[in-house]
Protein backbone atom coordinates (compact mmCIF):
# COMPACT_ATOMS: atom_id res chain seq x y z
CA MET A 1 -41.19 -15.57 -1.34
CA LYS A 2 -38.39 -14.10 0.79
CA LYS A 3 -34.88 -15.21 -0.11
CA LYS A 4 -32.61 -16.84 2.44
CA PRO A 5 -29.85 -14.40 3.57
CA LEU A 6 -26.39 -15.04 2.18
CA THR A 7 -23.84 -16.71 4.40
CA ASP A 8 -20.57 -14.88 5.13
CA ASP A 9 -18.74 -17.09 2.62
CA GLN A 10 -21.33 -16.40 -0.10
CA TYR A 11 -21.18 -12.65 0.60
CA ILE A 12 -17.37 -12.55 0.55
CA LYS A 13 -17.40 -14.20 -2.90
CA ASN A 14 -19.90 -11.60 -4.19
CA PRO A 15 -19.73 -8.47 -1.99
CA ASN A 16 -21.68 -6.25 -4.41
CA VAL A 17 -24.94 -8.03 -3.61
CA CYS A 18 -27.41 -7.37 -0.79
CA PRO A 19 -27.17 -10.31 1.63
CA SER A 20 -30.92 -10.00 2.30
CA CYS A 21 -32.66 -9.68 -1.10
CA HIS A 22 -29.63 -10.51 -3.31
CA GLY A 23 -30.17 -7.23 -5.21
CA HIS A 24 -27.28 -5.46 -6.90
CA ASP A 25 -28.29 -1.88 -6.06
CA VAL A 26 -26.18 -1.32 -2.93
CA THR A 27 -24.54 1.85 -1.64
CA GLY A 28 -21.49 1.89 0.63
CA GLY A 29 -20.96 4.63 3.16
CA GLN A 30 -17.74 6.05 4.52
CA ILE A 31 -15.07 3.52 5.44
CA LYS A 32 -14.04 3.76 9.10
CA ILE A 33 -10.52 2.69 10.00
CA ASP A 34 -9.80 1.96 13.64
CA VAL A 35 -8.75 -1.26 15.32
CA GLN A 36 -11.14 -2.79 12.80
CA THR A 37 -12.06 -1.40 9.38
CA THR A 38 -15.79 -1.22 8.67
CA GLN A 39 -18.22 0.28 6.19
CA GLU A 40 -21.96 0.81 6.55
CA VAL A 41 -23.83 -0.46 3.49
CA THR A 42 -27.45 0.01 2.39
CA CYS A 43 -29.48 -1.92 -0.16
CA ASP A 44 -31.36 0.58 -2.30
CA THR A 45 -33.75 -2.17 -3.41
CA CYS A 46 -35.05 -3.58 -0.12
CA GLY A 47 -33.72 -1.05 2.42
CA ALA A 48 -31.61 -3.57 4.37
CA THR A 49 -28.53 -2.21 6.10
CA TRP A 50 -25.41 -3.99 7.27
CA ILE A 51 -21.78 -3.35 8.11
CA ASP A 52 -18.96 -4.75 5.97
CA VAL A 53 -15.90 -5.77 7.97
CA TYR A 54 -12.50 -5.63 6.25
CA GLN A 55 -9.48 -7.66 7.26
CA LEU A 56 -5.85 -6.86 6.56
CA LYS A 57 -4.42 -9.59 4.34
CA GLY A 58 -0.89 -8.27 3.97
CA TYR A 59 0.80 -5.63 1.87
CA MET A 60 2.12 -5.27 -1.66
CA GLU A 61 4.47 -3.14 -3.74
CA LEU A 62 6.89 -2.33 -0.91
CA LYS A 63 9.37 0.33 -1.96
CA GLU A 64 12.14 0.90 0.51
CA LYS A 65 14.27 4.01 0.66
CA GLU A 66 17.74 3.44 -0.69
CA PHE A 67 19.23 6.09 1.58
CA THR A 68 17.43 6.27 4.94
CA GLU A 69 17.34 9.05 7.48
CA ASN A 70 18.94 6.67 9.98
CA ASP A 71 21.91 6.19 7.63
CA TRP A 72 22.21 9.97 7.28
CA ARG A 73 22.00 10.50 11.06
CA THR A 74 24.76 7.93 11.57
CA GLU A 75 27.00 9.76 9.11
CA VAL A 76 26.22 13.09 10.79
CA TYR A 77 26.92 11.61 14.24
CA ASN A 78 30.21 10.10 13.01
CA GLY A 79 31.21 13.42 11.44
CA ASP A 80 31.19 11.91 7.93
CA THR A 81 28.81 14.55 6.51
CA ARG A 82 27.61 18.05 7.26
CA LEU A 83 24.98 18.01 4.52
CA GLY A 84 21.27 18.22 5.24
CA TYR A 85 19.28 15.05 4.56
CA ASP A 86 17.99 16.01 1.08
CA GLU A 87 21.43 17.19 -0.08
CA TRP A 88 23.02 14.05 1.38
CA VAL A 89 20.57 11.83 -0.58
CA GLU A 90 21.37 13.68 -3.83
CA HIS A 91 25.10 13.33 -3.12
CA LYS A 92 24.71 9.58 -2.45
CA LYS A 93 22.70 9.12 -5.67
CA GLU A 94 25.37 10.95 -7.69
CA MET A 95 28.12 8.82 -6.15
CA HIS A 96 26.11 5.66 -6.86
CA ASN A 97 25.49 6.67 -10.49
CA ASP A 98 29.18 7.54 -10.97
CA MET A 99 30.17 4.15 -9.57
CA ILE A 100 27.79 2.36 -11.98
CA GLN A 101 29.06 4.36 -14.97
CA ASN A 102 32.69 3.62 -14.06
CA ALA A 103 31.93 -0.08 -13.70
CA GLN A 104 30.20 -0.09 -17.09
CA LYS A 105 33.20 1.66 -18.70
CA GLU A 106 35.57 -0.89 -17.17
CA HIS A 107 33.35 -3.73 -18.35
CA ARG A 108 33.28 -2.33 -21.92
CA GLY A 109 37.06 -1.95 -21.82
CA LEU A 110 37.51 -5.57 -20.85
CA ARG A 111 35.30 -6.74 -23.73
CA GLU A 112 37.17 -4.74 -26.39
């Protein structure tokens, strides 16, 4: 007896199953990213084929640059630096670290 195909909701909850025969022996092809992200999938049990459609849900683990190229360009434009971007970033990091160390020293001095 042929099984009833999975609904979209059922498939989304268990995407490693063939929506036709409910078999677990499925192979995904290359993922294509365009306006819409898709992947051709084949069931190695029954031979059914289908296309998975992926939807952007958001993003995670955002890491922003502490010293941006726009900040550097502004300093160059204002004549505040003549360093290249990479050297400017290193200089900014050193200044930031020095400032933190000085603040920690002052804090320790206040506690003693």
